[in-house]
Structures are given as C-alpha cells and as structure tokens.
Amino acid sequence: MLGITYIAALLFSIFGMTMLDYKYKLAFFHDAIRSAIVIGITVTLFIIWDIFGIGLGIFFKGDSPYLTHIMLGPEFPLEELFFLFFLSYLTLVLYRLIERKPWKRI
C-alpha cells in the first residue's frame, strides 16, 4: 500500500491545481490549447533534462517504499512523469495568477 503513496499525493496535488484553475480560469480553463502546448513543451524539456542527468549519473531513482517501482526507463520512475506535469502546471498557474495581479484590484 505504501507503494502508491507518492503518486497518490501527486494526483491529489494535480487535482487541487485543477480546481484552482477551474475556479479562477488560469490555465486550461482559460485557454486549453495554449496551456497544453506550453505544458507539453515544458514536460518534454524536463524529460530531456532528466535523460541527460540519468546518463551522467547525476539522477537516480533511489529505493523508496513510497514509489510504485514502475519504471519508464532506467532510473526513470512513473512518478517522475506526474511530478514533471505537476511542476509545469503549477508554474503556469502561478504565472497566470501573478500576471492578473489580483491584489491590485480595488
């Protein structure tokens, strides 16, 4: 049961970001196509970054009981894909929130 803890936390966090996005129309609920392109490019760049890091011996999976141990490649666990998506989505939502400057509204 511990093996799904990390991915469950990531999915819960992605769900929370989606609810914020829905409420404030920040990313996918503002412009789905543009958001998908931005996040797709960002996740792809992060995957390339990870591949280079793994190849250089900088990144490694480790041995955690919280991982599913489903590997997409050498030293590249399934959870990494969800983390990279979450990181990209969070950054886009924060950027759009700051761009709106809601604290300046009176």
N, C-alpha and C. Protein backbone atom coordinates (compact mmCIF):
# COMPACT_ATOMS: atom_id res chain seq x y z
N MET A 1 0.82 -1.20 0.00
CA MET A 1 0.00 0.00 0.00
C MET A 1 0.85 1.25 0.00
N LEU A 2 2.01 1.20 0.65
CA LEU A 2 2.89 2.35 0.66
C LEU A 2 3.38 2.70 -0.74
N GLY A 3 3.41 1.73 -1.63
CA GLY A 3 3.93 1.93 -2.97
C GLY A 3 3.18 2.93 -3.82
N ILE A 4 1.98 3.28 -3.41
CA ILE A 4 1.22 4.26 -4.19
C ILE A 4 1.14 5.61 -3.49
N THR A 5 1.81 5.78 -2.38
CA THR A 5 1.70 6.99 -1.59
C THR A 5 2.14 8.23 -2.37
N TYR A 6 3.30 8.17 -3.01
CA TYR A 6 3.83 9.33 -3.71
C TYR A 6 2.98 9.70 -4.92
N ILE A 7 2.60 8.71 -5.71
CA ILE A 7 1.79 9.00 -6.89
C ILE A 7 0.39 9.48 -6.48
N ALA A 8 -0.12 8.96 -5.37
CA ALA A 8 -1.42 9.43 -4.87
C ALA A 8 -1.32 10.89 -4.43
N ALA A 9 -0.24 11.26 -3.78
CA ALA A 9 -0.04 12.65 -3.37
C ALA A 9 0.09 13.56 -4.59
N LEU A 10 0.79 13.09 -5.61
CA LEU A 10 0.91 13.88 -6.84
C LEU A 10 -0.45 14.06 -7.52
N LEU A 11 -1.21 12.99 -7.60
CA LEU A 11 -2.55 13.08 -8.22
C LEU A 11 -3.47 13.99 -7.41
N PHE A 12 -3.38 13.92 -6.11
CA PHE A 12 -4.17 14.81 -5.25
C PHE A 12 -3.78 16.27 -5.49
N SER A 13 -2.49 16.52 -5.62
CA SER A 13 -2.00 17.88 -5.86
C SER A 13 -2.42 18.38 -7.24
N ILE A 14 -2.36 17.51 -8.24
CA ILE A 14 -2.81 17.88 -9.58
C ILE A 14 -4.30 18.19 -9.56
N PHE A 15 -5.06 17.40 -8.82
CA PHE A 15 -6.49 17.66 -8.68
C PHE A 15 -6.73 19.03 -8.04
N GLY A 16 -5.98 19.35 -7.00
CA GLY A 16 -6.11 20.65 -6.34
C GLY A 16 -5.79 21.79 -7.29
N MET A 17 -4.73 21.63 -8.09
CA MET A 17 -4.37 22.66 -9.07
C MET A 17 -5.48 22.81 -10.10
N THR A 18 -6.07 21.70 -10.50
CA THR A 18 -7.15 21.75 -11.48
C THR A 18 -8.36 22.50 -10.92
N MET A 19 -8.65 22.30 -9.65
CA MET A 19 -9.77 23.02 -9.03
C MET A 19 -9.49 24.53 -8.96
N LEU A 20 -8.26 24.90 -8.64
CA LEU A 20 -7.89 26.33 -8.64
C LEU A 20 -7.97 26.90 -10.05
N ASP A 21 -7.50 26.13 -11.01
CA ASP A 21 -7.55 26.54 -12.41
C ASP A 21 -9.01 26.73 -12.84
N TYR A 22 -9.86 25.81 -12.46
CA TYR A 22 -11.28 25.89 -12.82
C TYR A 22 -11.94 27.12 -12.19
N LYS A 23 -11.67 27.34 -10.93
CA LYS A 23 -12.31 28.45 -10.23
C LYS A 23 -11.88 29.82 -10.78
N TYR A 24 -10.58 29.96 -11.04
CA TYR A 24 -10.07 31.27 -11.45
C TYR A 24 -9.75 31.36 -12.94
N LYS A 25 -10.00 30.30 -13.70
CA LYS A 25 -9.77 30.27 -15.15
C LYS A 25 -8.36 30.74 -15.49
N LEU A 26 -7.36 30.03 -14.95
CA LEU A 26 -5.98 30.48 -15.08
C LEU A 26 -5.21 29.81 -16.22
N ALA A 27 -5.43 28.55 -16.48
CA ALA A 27 -4.61 27.85 -17.48
C ALA A 27 -5.53 27.10 -18.45
N PHE A 28 -5.77 25.82 -18.20
CA PHE A 28 -6.58 25.02 -19.11
C PHE A 28 -8.00 25.56 -19.25
N PHE A 29 -8.55 26.12 -18.21
CA PHE A 29 -9.91 26.62 -18.28
C PHE A 29 -9.96 28.05 -18.84
N HIS A 30 -8.80 28.62 -19.12
CA HIS A 30 -8.72 29.92 -19.80
C HIS A 30 -8.46 29.70 -21.29
N ASP A 31 -7.44 28.91 -21.60
CA ASP A 31 -7.08 28.60 -23.00
C ASP A 31 -6.44 27.21 -23.01
N ALA A 32 -7.26 26.20 -23.25
CA ALA A 32 -6.82 24.81 -23.14
C ALA A 32 -5.72 24.46 -24.13
N ILE A 33 -5.83 24.91 -25.37
CA ILE A 33 -4.84 24.55 -26.38
C ILE A 33 -3.49 25.16 -26.05
N ARG A 34 -3.47 26.44 -25.72
CA ARG A 34 -2.21 27.10 -25.39
C ARG A 34 -1.58 26.47 -24.15
N SER A 35 -2.39 26.16 -23.15
CA SER A 35 -1.88 25.54 -21.93
C SER A 35 -1.29 24.17 -22.21
N ALA A 36 -1.98 23.38 -23.04
CA ALA A 36 -1.48 22.04 -23.38
C ALA A 36 -0.15 22.13 -24.13
N ILE A 37 -0.03 23.09 -25.02
CA ILE A 37 1.22 23.27 -25.76
C ILE A 37 2.35 23.66 -24.82
N VAL A 38 2.09 24.64 -23.96
CA VAL A 38 3.12 25.11 -23.02
C VAL A 38 3.56 23.99 -22.09
N ILE A 39 2.60 23.29 -21.50
CA ILE A 39 2.94 22.22 -20.56
C ILE A 39 3.60 21.06 -21.30
N GLY A 40 3.13 20.75 -22.49
CA GLY A 40 3.75 19.68 -23.28
C GLY A 40 5.20 19.97 -23.60
N ILE A 41 5.49 21.19 -24.03
CA ILE A 41 6.87 21.58 -24.32
C ILE A 41 7.72 21.54 -23.06
N THR A 42 7.18 22.07 -21.97
CA THR A 42 7.92 22.11 -20.72
C THR A 42 8.23 20.71 -20.20
N VAL A 43 7.25 19.84 -20.20
CA VAL A 43 7.46 18.46 -19.72
C VAL A 43 8.49 17.75 -20.62
N THR A 44 8.40 17.98 -21.93
CA THR A 44 9.36 17.38 -22.85
C THR A 44 10.79 17.84 -22.54
N LEU A 45 10.95 19.14 -22.30
CA LEU A 45 12.28 19.66 -21.95
C LEU A 45 12.79 19.08 -20.64
N PHE A 46 11.90 18.95 -19.65
CA PHE A 46 12.29 18.35 -18.38
C PHE A 46 12.67 16.87 -18.55
N ILE A 47 11.96 16.16 -19.42
CA ILE A 47 12.30 14.75 -19.67
C ILE A 47 13.69 14.66 -20.30
N ILE A 48 13.96 15.53 -21.26
CA ILE A 48 15.30 15.56 -21.88
C ILE A 48 16.35 15.87 -20.81
N TRP A 49 16.05 16.84 -19.95
CA TRP A 49 16.95 17.19 -18.84
C TRP A 49 17.22 15.96 -17.96
N ASP A 50 16.15 15.24 -17.63
CA ASP A 50 16.28 14.03 -16.81
C ASP A 50 17.12 12.97 -17.51
N ILE A 51 16.90 12.78 -18.81
CA ILE A 51 17.67 11.78 -19.55
C ILE A 51 19.16 12.10 -19.51
N PHE A 52 19.49 13.37 -19.70
CA PHE A 52 20.90 13.76 -19.61
C PHE A 52 21.44 13.55 -18.20
N GLY A 53 20.65 13.93 -17.19
CA GLY A 53 21.07 13.74 -15.80
C GLY A 53 21.26 12.28 -15.45
N ILE A 54 20.38 11.43 -15.95
CA ILE A 54 20.50 9.99 -15.71
C ILE A 54 21.74 9.46 -16.42
N GLY A 55 21.93 9.89 -17.66
CA GLY A 55 23.09 9.45 -18.44
C GLY A 55 24.41 9.85 -17.80
N LEU A 56 24.44 11.01 -17.15
CA LEU A 56 25.66 11.48 -16.49
C LEU A 56 25.81 10.92 -15.07
N GLY A 57 24.82 10.17 -14.62
CA GLY A 57 24.89 9.58 -13.29
C GLY A 57 24.53 10.54 -12.17
N ILE A 58 23.90 11.65 -12.51
CA ILE A 58 23.51 12.66 -11.51
C ILE A 58 22.16 12.29 -10.88
N PHE A 59 21.22 11.85 -11.71
CA PHE A 59 19.89 11.49 -11.23
C PHE A 59 19.78 9.97 -11.12
N PHE A 60 19.13 9.53 -10.07
CA PHE A 60 18.86 8.10 -9.92
C PHE A 60 17.58 7.94 -9.12
N LYS A 61 16.97 6.78 -9.25
CA LYS A 61 15.67 6.53 -8.65
C LYS A 61 15.73 6.46 -7.14
N GLY A 62 16.71 5.84 -6.61
CA GLY A 62 16.73 5.61 -5.17
C GLY A 62 15.87 4.43 -4.82
N ASP A 63 15.74 4.15 -3.54
CA ASP A 63 14.94 3.00 -3.12
C ASP A 63 13.99 3.46 -2.04
N SER A 64 12.84 3.91 -2.45
CA SER A 64 11.84 4.41 -1.51
C SER A 64 10.64 3.47 -1.47
N PRO A 65 10.10 3.21 -0.30
CA PRO A 65 8.90 2.36 -0.23
C PRO A 65 7.65 3.08 -0.73
N TYR A 66 7.75 4.38 -1.00
CA TYR A 66 6.60 5.17 -1.42
C TYR A 66 6.41 5.18 -2.93
N LEU A 67 7.34 4.62 -3.69
CA LEU A 67 7.26 4.57 -5.14
C LEU A 67 6.57 3.30 -5.59
N THR A 68 5.95 3.35 -6.77
CA THR A 68 5.31 2.17 -7.33
C THR A 68 6.35 1.21 -7.92
N HIS A 69 7.53 1.71 -8.20
CA HIS A 69 8.63 0.96 -8.82
C HIS A 69 8.30 0.53 -10.25
N ILE A 70 7.36 1.25 -10.87
CA ILE A 70 7.10 1.09 -12.30
C ILE A 70 8.07 2.02 -13.02
N MET A 71 8.94 1.44 -13.84
CA MET A 71 9.98 2.22 -14.49
C MET A 71 9.64 2.46 -15.96
N LEU A 72 9.78 3.70 -16.39
CA LEU A 72 9.58 4.05 -17.79
C LEU A 72 10.89 3.98 -18.57
N GLY A 73 11.96 3.92 -17.85
CA GLY A 73 13.30 3.81 -18.41
C GLY A 73 14.25 3.57 -17.26
N PRO A 74 15.53 3.40 -17.58
CA PRO A 74 16.49 3.21 -16.49
C PRO A 74 16.52 4.43 -15.58
N GLU A 75 16.29 4.24 -14.31
CA GLU A 75 16.30 5.32 -13.31
C GLU A 75 15.23 6.37 -13.56
N PHE A 76 14.17 6.03 -14.30
CA PHE A 76 13.09 6.98 -14.61
C PHE A 76 11.75 6.38 -14.19
N PRO A 77 11.33 6.62 -12.93
CA PRO A 77 10.08 6.03 -12.44
C PRO A 77 8.84 6.73 -13.00
N LEU A 78 7.75 6.05 -13.00
CA LEU A 78 6.47 6.59 -13.47
C LEU A 78 6.12 7.90 -12.76
N GLU A 79 6.40 7.97 -11.48
CA GLU A 79 6.06 9.15 -10.69
C GLU A 79 6.73 10.41 -11.21
N GLU A 80 7.88 10.24 -11.84
CA GLU A 80 8.61 11.41 -12.38
C GLU A 80 7.79 12.13 -13.43
N LEU A 81 7.08 11.39 -14.25
CA LEU A 81 6.23 11.98 -15.28
C LEU A 81 5.13 12.84 -14.64
N PHE A 82 4.49 12.32 -13.61
CA PHE A 82 3.45 13.06 -12.92
C PHE A 82 4.02 14.28 -12.20
N PHE A 83 5.21 14.14 -11.62
CA PHE A 83 5.85 15.26 -10.96
C PHE A 83 6.19 16.37 -11.96
N LEU A 84 6.71 15.99 -13.11
CA LEU A 84 7.06 16.99 -14.13
C LEU A 84 5.81 17.70 -14.63
N PHE A 85 4.72 16.96 -14.81
CA PHE A 85 3.46 17.60 -15.20
C PHE A 85 3.00 18.57 -14.11
N PHE A 86 3.02 18.11 -12.86
CA PHE A 86 2.59 18.97 -11.75
C PHE A 86 3.44 20.23 -11.66
N LEU A 87 4.74 20.07 -11.77
CA LEU A 87 5.65 21.21 -11.70
C LEU A 87 5.35 22.22 -12.80
N SER A 88 5.14 21.74 -14.00
CA SER A 88 4.83 22.62 -15.14
C SER A 88 3.47 23.30 -14.96
N TYR A 89 2.49 22.53 -14.52
CA TYR A 89 1.13 23.06 -14.32
C TYR A 89 1.13 24.11 -13.22
N LEU A 90 1.80 23.82 -12.12
CA LEU A 90 1.90 24.77 -11.01
C LEU A 90 2.54 26.07 -11.47
N THR A 91 3.63 25.97 -12.22
CA THR A 91 4.32 27.15 -12.71
C THR A 91 3.42 27.98 -13.62
N LEU A 92 2.69 27.32 -14.51
CA LEU A 92 1.79 28.04 -15.41
C LEU A 92 0.67 28.73 -14.64
N VAL A 93 0.10 28.03 -13.68
CA VAL A 93 -0.99 28.62 -12.87
C VAL A 93 -0.47 29.81 -12.07
N LEU A 94 0.70 29.67 -11.46
CA LEU A 94 1.27 30.79 -10.70
C LEU A 94 1.60 31.97 -11.61
N TYR A 95 2.15 31.70 -12.78
CA TYR A 95 2.45 32.77 -13.73
C TYR A 95 1.19 33.53 -14.11
N ARG A 96 0.13 32.78 -14.45
CA ARG A 96 -1.13 33.43 -14.84
C ARG A 96 -1.75 34.20 -13.68
N LEU A 97 -1.62 33.68 -12.47
CA LEU A 97 -2.15 34.38 -11.31
C LEU A 97 -1.40 35.69 -11.08
N ILE A 98 -0.08 35.65 -11.16
CA ILE A 98 0.72 36.86 -10.98
C ILE A 98 0.47 37.84 -12.11
N GLU A 99 0.28 37.33 -13.31
CA GLU A 99 0.01 38.18 -14.47
C GLU A 99 -1.29 38.96 -14.29
N ARG A 100 -2.26 38.35 -13.64
CA ARG A 100 -3.55 39.01 -13.40
C ARG A 100 -3.47 40.10 -12.34
N LYS A 101 -2.51 39.98 -11.43
CA LYS A 101 -2.32 40.92 -10.33
C LYS A 101 -3.62 41.13 -9.54
N PRO A 102 -4.17 40.07 -8.98
CA PRO A 102 -5.45 40.20 -8.27
C PRO A 102 -5.36 41.09 -7.03
N TRP A 103 -4.19 41.26 -6.47
CA TRP A 103 -4.02 42.08 -5.28
C TRP A 103 -4.11 43.58 -5.60
N LYS A 104 -4.04 43.95 -6.88
CA LYS A 104 -4.11 45.36 -7.28
C LYS A 104 -5.56 45.82 -7.48
N ARG A 105 -6.51 44.89 -7.52
CA ARG A 105 -7.91 45.24 -7.72
C ARG A 105 -8.50 45.90 -6.49
N ILE A 106 -9.21 46.95 -6.73
CA ILE A 106 -9.86 47.66 -5.60
C ILE A 106 -11.32 47.86 -5.92
